Amino acid sequence: MMAEMQCPLCAAREPAPFCSDRRRSYLRCGICSLVFVPPRFHLSREAERAEYDLHQNRLEDTGYRRFLSRLAQPLARRLAPGARGLDFGCGPAPALASLLRDRGFDVSVYDSFYAPDESVLQGDFDFVCATEVVEHLHAPGAVLDTLWGLLRPGGHLGVMTKLVIDREAFSRWHYKNDPTHVCFFSEATWCWWASRRGAELEIIGADVMLLTKP
């Protein structure tokens, strides 16, 4: 029960009830504004993997590559030729890494299910990408701190995730219905996170964030 009373991003205590549906309840942190699912509703690792195995994303899927280009294109414009990066949470088909490699960048991949070689997390990078990843994290605070620590000064953390607007919109939101989605960020959450690290935050479109390390 105590774990449910602590925000998984900032560790603040006593989050407030935010919303509930027939599947789960959702809490909202009063400090960082993260909306999250209490741990008792988290899937087991085996059930989570089974959900991911249902996804049909493929390297050659032009629609999927177009979707990922909404992060790849603005990120690439900010990178030096040959920059070194990490596609974190790449899934079974690391299409973002492929897009960036096609542009001449050196990209490693990591995924706890599909590419679990943790040795890549010992390097330092000019950029780290997490596309459609942070909403799945059971411990987003710890993971984001790890990714931030992998960046060189002036490096970029690129994130894609859909943003919470307000309680009414959230109650109707299809995004919350995925049982593997347990953390929901808002613009206010990213502003809080960036300010704590002295990062420059750019919000590009509805669901792309670029955070630049000092």
C-alpha atoms as a PDB file:
ATOM      1  CA  MET A   1       0.000   0.000   0.000  1.00  0.00           C
ATOM      2  CA  MET A   2       2.842   2.404   0.767  1.00  0.00           C
ATOM      3  CA  ALA A   3       4.168   2.041  -2.799  1.00  0.00           C
ATOM      4  CA  GLU A   4       0.820   3.252  -4.108  1.00  0.00           C
ATOM      5  CA  MET A   5       1.179   6.422  -2.060  1.00  0.00           C
ATOM      6  CA  GLN A   6       4.462   7.408  -3.741  1.00  0.00           C
ATOM      7  CA  CYS A   7       4.911   8.976  -7.155  1.00  0.00           C
ATOM      8  CA  PRO A   8       7.149   6.768  -9.338  1.00  0.00           C
ATOM      9  CA  LEU A   9       8.682   9.839 -10.989  1.00  0.00           C
ATOM     10  CA  CYS A  10       9.459  12.254  -8.146  1.00  0.00           C
ATOM     11  CA  ALA A  11       8.782  10.040  -5.075  1.00  0.00           C
ATOM     12  CA  ALA A  12       6.339  12.555  -3.593  1.00  0.00           C
ATOM     13  CA  ARG A  13       3.861  11.064  -1.144  1.00  0.00           C
ATOM     14  CA  GLU A  14       0.074  10.986  -1.159  1.00  0.00           C
ATOM     15  CA  PRO A  15      -0.916  11.502  -4.801  1.00  0.00           C
ATOM     16  CA  ALA A  16      -4.553  12.394  -5.361  1.00  0.00           C
ATOM     17  CA  PRO A  17      -7.206  10.271  -7.098  1.00  0.00           C
ATOM     18  CA  PHE A  18      -7.481  11.451 -10.696  1.00  0.00           C
ATOM     19  CA  CYS A  19      -9.733   9.057 -12.614  1.00  0.00           C
ATOM     20  CA  SER A  20     -11.011   5.501 -12.644  1.00  0.00           C
ATOM     21  CA  ASP A  21     -12.593   3.121 -15.124  1.00  0.00           C
ATOM     22  CA  ARG A  22     -13.792  -0.466 -15.058  1.00  0.00           C
ATOM     23  CA  ARG A  23     -10.206  -1.737 -15.363  1.00  0.00           C
ATOM     24  CA  ARG A  24      -8.041   0.477 -13.185  1.00  0.00           C
ATOM     25  CA  SER A  25      -7.744   3.595 -11.076  1.00  0.00           C
ATOM     26  CA  TYR A  26      -5.330   6.463 -11.775  1.00  0.00           C
ATOM     27  CA  LEU A  27      -3.544   8.814  -9.402  1.00  0.00           C
ATOM     28  CA  ARG A  28      -2.013  12.244 -10.011  1.00  0.00           C
ATOM     29  CA  CYS A  29       1.054  13.611  -8.278  1.00  0.00           C
ATOM     30  CA  GLY A  30       0.652  17.064  -6.769  1.00  0.00           C
ATOM     31  CA  ILE A  31       4.351  17.877  -7.295  1.00  0.00           C
ATOM     32  CA  CYS A  32       5.277  16.753 -10.826  1.00  0.00           C
ATOM     33  CA  SER A  33       1.727  16.221 -12.219  1.00  0.00           C
ATOM     34  CA  LEU A  34       2.455  12.668 -13.387  1.00  0.00           C
ATOM     35  CA  VAL A  35      -0.679  10.547 -13.744  1.00  0.00           C
ATOM     36  CA  PHE A  36       0.040   6.925 -12.949  1.00  0.00           C
ATOM     37  CA  VAL A  37      -1.517   3.536 -12.340  1.00  0.00           C
ATOM     38  CA  PRO A  38      -1.066   2.067  -8.833  1.00  0.00           C
ATOM     39  CA  PRO A  39       1.293  -0.938  -8.787  1.00  0.00           C
ATOM     40  CA  ARG A  40      -1.482  -3.407  -7.964  1.00  0.00           C
ATOM     41  CA  PHE A  41      -2.737  -2.956 -11.545  1.00  0.00           C
ATOM     42  CA  HIS A  42       0.641  -3.593 -13.211  1.00  0.00           C
ATOM     43  CA  LEU A  43       0.933  -6.655 -15.423  1.00  0.00           C
ATOM     44  CA  SER A  44       3.430  -9.366 -14.647  1.00  0.00           C
ATOM     45  CA  ARG A  45       6.547  -9.307 -16.808  1.00  0.00           C
ATOM     46  CA  GLU A  46       5.277 -12.366 -18.686  1.00  0.00           C
ATOM     47  CA  ALA A  47       1.885 -10.795 -19.402  1.00  0.00           C
ATOM     48  CA  GLU A  48       3.540  -7.534 -20.437  1.00  0.00           C
ATOM     49  CA  ARG A  49       5.790  -9.367 -22.913  1.00  0.00           C
ATOM     50  CA  ALA A  50       2.754 -11.182 -24.321  1.00  0.00           C
ATOM     51  CA  GLU A  51       1.092  -7.823 -25.034  1.00  0.00           C
ATOM     52  CA  TYR A  52       4.183  -6.513 -26.827  1.00  0.00           C
ATOM     53  CA  ASP A  53       4.431  -9.664 -28.904  1.00  0.00           C
ATOM     54  CA  LEU A  54       1.025  -8.770 -30.393  1.00  0.00           C
ATOM     55  CA  HIS A  55       2.396  -5.560 -31.928  1.00  0.00           C
ATOM     56  CA  GLN A  56       2.850  -5.622 -35.680  1.00  0.00           C
ATOM     57  CA  ASN A  57       5.520  -2.924 -36.134  1.00  0.00           C
ATOM     58  CA  ARG A  58       8.018  -3.800 -38.892  1.00  0.00           C
ATOM     59  CA  LEU A  59      11.187  -2.164 -40.174  1.00  0.00           C
ATOM     60  CA  GLU A  60       9.755  -1.866 -43.678  1.00  0.00           C
ATOM     61  CA  ASP A  61       6.378  -0.440 -42.539  1.00  0.00           C
ATOM     62  CA  THR A  62       6.264   2.992 -44.192  1.00  0.00           C
ATOM     63  CA  GLY A  63       3.502   4.240 -41.889  1.00  0.00           C
ATOM     64  CA  TYR A  64       5.485   3.288 -38.810  1.00  0.00           C
ATOM     65  CA  ARG A  65       8.625   4.943 -40.184  1.00  0.00           C
ATOM     66  CA  ARG A  66       6.621   8.080 -40.981  1.00  0.00           C
ATOM     67  CA  PHE A  67       5.329   8.101 -37.404  1.00  0.00           C
ATOM     68  CA  LEU A  68       8.867   7.815 -35.985  1.00  0.00           C
ATOM     69  CA  SER A  69      10.172  10.487 -38.344  1.00  0.00           C
ATOM     70  CA  ARG A  70       8.333  13.062 -36.242  1.00  0.00           C
ATOM     71  CA  LEU A  71      11.147  12.589 -33.732  1.00  0.00           C
ATOM     72  CA  ALA A  72      13.924  11.501 -36.102  1.00  0.00           C
ATOM     73  CA  GLN A  73      13.742  14.581 -38.322  1.00  0.00           C
ATOM     74  CA  PRO A  74      13.933  17.355 -35.689  1.00  0.00           C
ATOM     75  CA  LEU A  75      16.537  15.389 -33.754  1.00  0.00           C
ATOM     76  CA  ALA A  76      18.737  14.842 -36.812  1.00  0.00           C
ATOM     77  CA  ARG A  77      18.749  18.588 -37.530  1.00  0.00           C
ATOM     78  CA  ARG A  78      20.350  19.169 -34.133  1.00  0.00           C
ATOM     79  CA  LEU A  79      23.054  16.505 -34.414  1.00  0.00           C
ATOM     80  CA  ALA A  80      26.585  16.669 -35.752  1.00  0.00           C
ATOM     81  CA  PRO A  81      27.500  14.235 -38.541  1.00  0.00           C
ATOM     82  CA  GLY A  82      28.299  10.792 -37.164  1.00  0.00           C
ATOM     83  CA  ALA A  83      26.783  11.504 -33.755  1.00  0.00           C
ATOM     84  CA  ARG A  84      26.488   8.494 -31.444  1.00  0.00           C
ATOM     85  CA  GLY A  85      23.124   7.566 -29.955  1.00  0.00           C
ATOM     86  CA  LEU A  86      20.953   4.991 -28.236  1.00  0.00           C
ATOM     87  CA  ASP A  87      17.478   3.796 -29.190  1.00  0.00           C
ATOM     88  CA  PHE A  88      16.151   2.823 -25.740  1.00  0.00           C
ATOM     89  CA  GLY A  89      13.134   0.518 -25.731  1.00  0.00           C
ATOM     90  CA  CYS A  90      13.617  -0.256 -29.405  1.00  0.00           C
ATOM     91  CA  GLY A  91      11.224  -3.218 -29.478  1.00  0.00           C
ATOM     92  CA  PRO A  92      11.606  -6.213 -31.813  1.00  0.00           C
ATOM     93  CA  ALA A  93      11.879  -3.982 -34.909  1.00  0.00           C
ATOM     94  CA  PRO A  94      14.213  -1.031 -34.177  1.00  0.00           C
ATOM     95  CA  ALA A  95      12.881   1.184 -36.958  1.00  0.00           C
ATOM     96  CA  LEU A  96      13.987   4.448 -35.336  1.00  0.00           C
ATOM     97  CA  ALA A  97      17.572   3.183 -35.131  1.00  0.00           C
ATOM     98  CA  SER A  98      17.304   2.231 -38.800  1.00  0.00           C
ATOM     99  CA  LEU A  99      16.050   5.701 -39.763  1.00  0.00           C
ATOM    100  CA  LEU A 100      18.886   7.391 -37.909  1.00  0.00           C
ATOM    101  CA  ARG A 101      21.525   4.998 -39.223  1.00  0.00           C
ATOM    102  CA  ASP A 102      20.322   5.827 -42.736  1.00  0.00           C
ATOM    103  CA  ARG A 103      21.208   9.445 -41.908  1.00  0.00           C
ATOM    104  CA  GLY A 104      24.761   8.473 -40.967  1.00  0.00           C
ATOM    105  CA  PHE A 105      24.456   8.281 -37.185  1.00  0.00           C
ATOM    106  CA  ASP A 106      25.955   5.534 -35.026  1.00  0.00           C
ATOM    107  CA  VAL A 107      23.017   4.031 -33.108  1.00  0.00           C
ATOM    108  CA  SER A 108      23.033   1.301 -30.449  1.00  0.00           C
ATOM    109  CA  VAL A 109      19.808  -0.367 -29.309  1.00  0.00           C
ATOM    110  CA  TYR A 110      18.484  -1.572 -25.986  1.00  0.00           C
ATOM    111  CA  ASP A 111      15.213  -3.182 -24.948  1.00  0.00           C
ATOM    112  CA  SER A 112      14.699  -5.143 -21.733  1.00  0.00           C
ATOM    113  CA  PHE A 113      12.656  -7.743 -23.650  1.00  0.00           C
ATOM    114  CA  TYR A 114      14.054  -7.807 -27.186  1.00  0.00           C
ATOM    115  CA  ALA A 115      17.629  -6.454 -26.979  1.00  0.00           C
ATOM    116  CA  PRO A 116      18.646  -6.859 -23.322  1.00  0.00           C
ATOM    117  CA  ASP A 117      22.399  -6.317 -23.645  1.00  0.00           C
ATOM    118  CA  GLU A 118      22.995  -3.945 -20.733  1.00  0.00           C
ATOM    119  CA  SER A 119      26.598  -3.315 -21.766  1.00  0.00           C
ATOM    120  CA  VAL A 120      25.325  -0.593 -24.117  1.00  0.00           C
ATOM    121  CA  LEU A 121      24.095   1.309 -21.052  1.00  0.00           C
ATOM    122  CA  GLN A 122      27.686   1.864 -19.956  1.00  0.00           C
ATOM    123  CA  GLY A 123      28.527   4.182 -22.848  1.00  0.00           C
ATOM    124  CA  ASP A 124      28.096   7.896 -23.333  1.00  0.00           C
ATOM    125  CA  PHE A 125      25.987   9.292 -26.140  1.00  0.00           C
ATOM    126  CA  ASP A 126      25.221  12.439 -28.076  1.00  0.00           C
ATOM    127  CA  PHE A 127      21.550  11.482 -28.083  1.00  0.00           C
ATOM    128  CA  VAL A 128      19.198   8.997 -26.477  1.00  0.00           C
ATOM    129  CA  CYS A 129      15.725   8.252 -27.884  1.00  0.00           C
ATOM    130  CA  ALA A 130      12.754   6.723 -26.096  1.00  0.00           C
ATOM    131  CA  THR A 131       9.804   6.473 -28.481  1.00  0.00           C
ATOM    132  CA  GLU A 132       6.527   5.212 -27.009  1.00  0.00           C
ATOM    133  CA  VAL A 133       8.485   3.956 -23.982  1.00  0.00           C
ATOM    134  CA  VAL A 134       8.001   6.168 -20.919  1.00  0.00           C
ATOM    135  CA  GLU A 135       4.300   5.328 -20.592  1.00  0.00           C
ATOM    136  CA  HIS A 136       5.323   1.691 -19.976  1.00  0.00           C
ATOM    137  CA  LEU A 137       7.861   2.386 -17.211  1.00  0.00           C
ATOM    138  CA  HIS A 138       7.136   1.119 -13.713  1.00  0.00           C
ATOM    139  CA  ALA A 139       9.958   3.290 -12.320  1.00  0.00           C
ATOM    140  CA  PRO A 140      10.160   6.299 -14.673  1.00  0.00           C
ATOM    141  CA  GLY A 141      12.174   8.413 -12.260  1.00  0.00           C
ATOM    142  CA  ALA A 142      15.020   5.921 -12.050  1.00  0.00           C
ATOM    143  CA  VAL A 143      15.000   5.103 -15.762  1.00  0.00           C
ATOM    144  CA  LEU A 144      14.968   8.722 -16.926  1.00  0.00           C
ATOM    145  CA  ASP A 145      17.803   9.537 -14.532  1.00  0.00           C
ATOM    146  CA  THR A 146      19.797   6.652 -16.037  1.00  0.00           C
ATOM    147  CA  LEU A 147      19.183   7.852 -19.586  1.00  0.00           C
ATOM    148  CA  TRP A 148      20.073  11.429 -18.668  1.00  0.00           C
ATOM    149  CA  GLY A 149      23.303  10.182 -17.141  1.00  0.00           C
ATOM    150  CA  LEU A 150      24.261   8.519 -20.439  1.00  0.00           C
ATOM    151  CA  LEU A 151      24.222  11.841 -22.286  1.00  0.00           C
ATOM    152  CA  ARG A 152      27.290  13.938 -22.911  1.00  0.00           C
ATOM    153  CA  PRO A 153      27.025  17.679 -22.141  1.00  0.00           C
ATOM    154  CA  GLY A 154      24.958  19.252 -24.891  1.00  0.00           C
ATOM    155  CA  GLY A 155      23.351  15.892 -25.693  1.00  0.00           C
ATOM    156  CA  HIS A 156      19.682  15.394 -26.501  1.00  0.00           C
ATOM    157  CA  LEU A 157      17.041  13.158 -24.950  1.00  0.00           C
ATOM    158  CA  GLY A 158      14.255  12.607 -27.475  1.00  0.00           C
ATOM    159  CA  VAL A 159      10.927  11.277 -26.213  1.00  0.00           C
ATOM    160  CA  MET A 160       7.674  10.398 -27.914  1.00  0.00           C
ATOM    161  CA  THR A 161       4.617   9.876 -25.723  1.00  0.00           C
ATOM    162  CA  LYS A 162       1.100  11.245 -25.812  1.00  0.00           C
ATOM    163  CA  LEU A 163       0.351  13.945 -23.243  1.00  0.00           C
ATOM    164  CA  VAL A 164      -2.368  14.296 -20.636  1.00  0.00           C
ATOM    165  CA  ILE A 165      -4.515  17.358 -21.250  1.00  0.00           C
ATOM    166  CA  ASP A 166      -7.070  17.338 -18.436  1.00  0.00           C
ATOM    167  CA  ARG A 167      -9.240  14.986 -16.406  1.00  0.00           C
ATOM    168  CA  GLU A 168     -12.225  15.090 -18.766  1.00  0.00           C
ATOM    169  CA  ALA A 169     -10.140  14.276 -21.837  1.00  0.00           C
ATOM    170  CA  PHE A 170      -8.267  11.590 -19.903  1.00  0.00           C
ATOM    171  CA  SER A 171     -11.504   9.840 -18.952  1.00  0.00           C
ATOM    172  CA  ARG A 172     -12.303   9.336 -22.665  1.00  0.00           C
ATOM    173  CA  TRP A 173      -8.713   8.699 -23.779  1.00  0.00           C
ATOM    174  CA  HIS A 174      -8.017   5.463 -25.667  1.00  0.00           C
ATOM    175  CA  TYR A 175      -4.336   5.734 -24.721  1.00  0.00           C
ATOM    176  CA  LYS A 176      -5.014   4.842 -21.107  1.00  0.00           C
ATOM    177  CA  ASN A 177      -6.775   1.616 -22.103  1.00  0.00           C
ATOM    178  CA  ASP A 178      -3.579  -0.207 -23.061  1.00  0.00           C
ATOM    179  CA  PRO A 179      -2.857  -2.383 -19.993  1.00  0.00           C
ATOM    180  CA  THR A 180       0.897  -1.849 -20.423  1.00  0.00           C
ATOM    181  CA  HIS A 181       0.523   1.950 -20.183  1.00  0.00           C
ATOM    182  CA  VAL A 182       1.052   2.869 -16.530  1.00  0.00           C
ATOM    183  CA  CYS A 183       2.547   6.412 -16.563  1.00  0.00           C
ATOM    184  CA  PHE A 184       1.066   9.410 -18.329  1.00  0.00           C
ATOM    185  CA  PHE A 185       3.060  12.619 -18.711  1.00  0.00           C
ATOM    186  CA  SER A 186       1.742  16.118 -19.345  1.00  0.00           C
ATOM    187  CA  GLU A 187       3.447  19.275 -20.524  1.00  0.00           C
ATOM    188  CA  ALA A 188       3.598  20.339 -16.868  1.00  0.00           C
ATOM    189  CA  THR A 189       5.366  17.089 -15.970  1.00  0.00           C
ATOM    190  CA  TRP A 190       8.053  17.608 -18.591  1.00  0.00           C
ATOM    191  CA  CYS A 191       8.501  21.236 -17.546  1.00  0.00           C
ATOM    192  CA  TRP A 192       8.994  20.076 -13.951  1.00  0.00           C
ATOM    193  CA  TRP A 193      11.474  17.370 -14.981  1.00  0.00           C
ATOM    194  CA  ALA A 194      13.470  19.709 -17.235  1.00  0.00           C
ATOM    195  CA  SER A 195      13.673  22.467 -14.625  1.00  0.00           C
ATOM    196  CA  ARG A 196      15.065  20.043 -12.047  1.00  0.00           C
ATOM    197  CA  ARG A 197      17.953  19.213 -14.394  1.00  0.00           C
ATOM    198  CA  GLY A 198      18.569  22.580 -15.970  1.00  0.00           C
ATOM    199  CA  ALA A 199      17.536  21.126 -19.314  1.00  0.00           C
ATOM    200  CA  GLU A 200      16.255  23.032 -22.313  1.00  0.00           C
ATOM    201  CA  LEU A 201      12.839  21.623 -23.212  1.00  0.00           C
ATOM    202  CA  GLU A 202      11.260  21.755 -26.661  1.00  0.00           C
ATOM    203  CA  ILE A 203       7.791  20.323 -27.194  1.00  0.00           C
ATOM    204  CA  ILE A 204       7.341  19.594 -30.884  1.00  0.00           C
ATOM    205  CA  GLY A 205       3.796  18.893 -31.945  1.00  0.00           C
ATOM    206  CA  ALA A 206       1.481  16.913 -29.715  1.00  0.00           C
ATOM    207  CA  ASP A 207       3.773  14.164 -28.527  1.00  0.00           C
ATOM    208  CA  VAL A 208       7.468  14.835 -29.208  1.00  0.00           C
ATOM    209  CA  MET A 209       9.792  16.215 -26.538  1.00  0.00           C
ATOM    210  CA  LEU A 210      13.447  17.157 -26.949  1.00  0.00           C
ATOM    211  CA  LEU A 211      15.448  17.837 -23.798  1.00  0.00           C
ATOM    212  CA  THR A 212      18.980  19.203 -24.157  1.00  0.00           C
ATOM    213  CA  LYS A 213      21.564  18.651 -21.435  1.00  0.00           C
ATOM    214  CA  PRO A 214      23.539  21.714 -20.271  1.00  0.00           C
END
